[in-house]
Amino acid sequence: MSNFFTTQSDGEILTVHFTHAKILEETVIQQISAALLVLIDKTNEKNFLLDYSQVGFLSSSALGGLIKVNKKCKEAKINLKLCNIHPDILQVFKITRLDKVLAIYPDTQAAYEAFKKTGLFFRK
């Protein structure tokens, strides 16, 4: 679907693994955002995990795309979580207060556990 990420599903959780270390260019950000929005429309999973473990640099303009993804997930009643965010990028999330809006976890396991705690069968 995209040159910028791969996906994996266990039937309940769709995990998006970003494959580029730097997400900085506006055209790339737009392509990623558009691909994620299409993916949200097509998925049957009600849990969506964005794994940033390969991303070392993220443009602040990418945050706008992430806000669109968050909105789309809410409209589709899909639980969105983020994990493995580099500390420098996480600092930007804190400065912009997106860490209060988005569910961010230190690693994949913590995010998976959070999906279980919020209930795979009881969606918000």
Protein backbone atom coordinates (compact mmCIF):
# COMPACT_ATOMS: atom_id res chain seq x y z
CA MET A 1 0.00 0.00 0.00
CA SER A 2 2.79 2.45 0.84
CA ASN A 3 6.54 2.67 0.40
CA PHE A 4 6.74 4.30 3.81
CA PHE A 5 5.29 1.61 6.06
CA THR A 6 4.36 -2.04 6.37
CA THR A 7 1.35 -3.47 8.12
CA GLN A 8 0.72 -6.50 10.27
CA SER A 9 -2.52 -7.77 11.77
CA ASP A 10 -3.35 -10.31 14.42
CA GLY A 11 -7.07 -10.06 13.65
CA GLU A 12 -7.72 -7.55 16.42
CA ILE A 13 -4.87 -5.05 16.11
CA LEU A 14 -3.57 -3.57 12.87
CA THR A 15 0.02 -2.45 13.41
CA VAL A 16 1.66 0.04 11.05
CA HIS A 17 5.47 -0.10 11.08
CA PHE A 18 7.03 2.99 9.57
CA THR A 19 10.07 2.05 7.46
CA HIS A 20 11.77 5.42 6.93
CA ALA A 21 14.11 6.93 9.50
CA LYS A 22 13.23 10.47 8.44
CA ILE A 23 9.73 11.74 7.73
CA LEU A 24 10.44 15.35 6.88
CA GLU A 25 9.35 16.25 3.34
CA GLU A 26 5.87 17.67 2.86
CA THR A 27 5.09 15.42 -0.13
CA VAL A 28 6.11 12.34 1.86
CA ILE A 29 3.99 13.43 4.82
CA GLN A 30 0.98 13.94 2.56
CA GLN A 31 1.46 10.51 0.95
CA ILE A 32 1.75 8.79 4.32
CA SER A 33 -1.31 10.59 5.71
CA ALA A 34 -3.39 9.74 2.63
CA ALA A 35 -2.30 6.09 2.74
CA LEU A 36 -3.13 5.83 6.45
CA LEU A 37 -6.59 7.34 5.91
CA VAL A 38 -7.29 4.80 3.15
CA LEU A 39 -6.04 2.02 5.41
CA ILE A 40 -8.40 3.14 8.19
CA ASP A 41 -11.31 3.02 5.74
CA LYS A 42 -10.43 -0.50 4.60
CA THR A 43 -9.50 -2.18 7.88
CA ASN A 44 -11.77 -4.52 9.81
CA GLU A 45 -9.66 -4.27 12.97
CA LYS A 46 -10.90 -1.91 15.64
CA ASN A 47 -7.43 -1.30 17.08
CA PHE A 48 -4.80 0.66 15.16
CA LEU A 49 -1.18 0.90 16.34
CA LEU A 50 1.39 3.22 14.80
CA ASP A 51 4.91 1.94 15.52
CA TYR A 52 7.57 4.63 15.18
CA SER A 53 10.55 2.44 16.16
CA GLN A 54 12.36 3.09 12.84
CA VAL A 55 11.68 6.85 12.84
CA GLY A 56 14.44 9.07 14.18
CA PHE A 57 13.29 12.36 12.69
CA LEU A 58 9.74 13.59 12.23
CA SER A 59 8.75 16.98 10.86
CA SER A 60 6.37 19.02 12.96
CA SER A 61 4.13 19.27 9.89
CA ALA A 62 3.65 15.49 10.18
CA LEU A 63 1.71 16.20 13.36
CA GLY A 64 -1.11 17.68 11.27
CA GLY A 65 -1.40 14.42 9.37
CA LEU A 66 -1.43 12.52 12.63
CA ILE A 67 -4.28 14.68 13.90
CA LYS A 68 -6.26 13.78 10.75
CA VAL A 69 -5.55 10.09 11.36
CA ASN A 70 -6.70 10.44 14.97
CA LYS A 71 -9.92 12.16 13.87
CA LYS A 72 -10.60 9.49 11.23
CA CYS A 73 -10.04 6.72 13.80
CA LYS A 74 -12.49 8.35 16.20
CA GLU A 75 -15.09 8.67 13.45
CA ALA A 76 -14.63 4.98 12.58
CA LYS A 77 -14.66 3.98 16.29
CA ILE A 78 -11.12 2.60 16.00
CA ASN A 79 -8.77 2.75 19.01
CA LEU A 80 -5.53 4.50 18.00
CA LYS A 81 -2.30 4.09 19.91
CA LEU A 82 1.30 5.08 19.14
CA CYS A 83 4.47 3.40 20.36
CA ASN A 84 8.27 3.38 20.17
CA ILE A 85 8.56 7.14 19.65
CA HIS A 86 12.13 8.47 19.75
CA PRO A 87 12.70 10.68 22.83
CA ASP A 88 13.42 13.79 20.71
CA ILE A 89 10.18 13.31 18.78
CA LEU A 90 8.29 12.60 21.98
CA GLN A 91 9.48 15.98 23.26
CA VAL A 92 7.70 17.64 20.32
CA PHE A 93 4.53 15.73 21.21
CA LYS A 94 4.82 17.06 24.77
CA ILE A 95 5.49 20.66 23.69
CA THR A 96 2.45 20.60 21.39
CA ARG A 97 0.46 18.76 24.08
CA LEU A 98 -0.37 15.97 21.64
CA ASP A 99 0.76 13.55 24.33
CA LYS A 100 -2.48 14.54 26.11
CA VAL A 101 -4.61 13.88 23.00
CA LEU A 102 -2.95 10.70 21.69
CA ALA A 103 -2.37 7.43 23.53
CA ILE A 104 1.42 7.00 23.46
CA TYR A 105 3.25 3.95 24.82
CA PRO A 106 6.98 3.29 25.28
CA ASP A 107 6.97 0.03 23.31
CA THR A 108 4.83 -2.39 21.33
CA GLN A 109 4.17 -4.69 24.28
CA ALA A 110 2.91 -1.83 26.44
CA ALA A 111 0.58 -0.71 23.65
CA TYR A 112 -0.77 -4.25 23.14
CA GLU A 113 -1.38 -4.54 26.89
CA ALA A 114 -3.21 -1.20 26.84
CA PHE A 115 -5.49 -2.46 24.07
CA LYS A 116 -6.30 -5.46 26.26
CA LYS A 117 -6.95 -3.29 29.32
CA THR A 118 -9.31 -0.98 27.45
CA GLY A 119 -11.01 -4.11 26.22
CA LEU A 120 -10.77 -5.47 22.74
CA PHE A 121 -14.49 -6.09 22.86
CA PHE A 122 -15.56 -2.89 24.58
CA ARG A 123 -14.76 -0.05 22.24
CA LYS A 124 -14.83 3.58 23.25
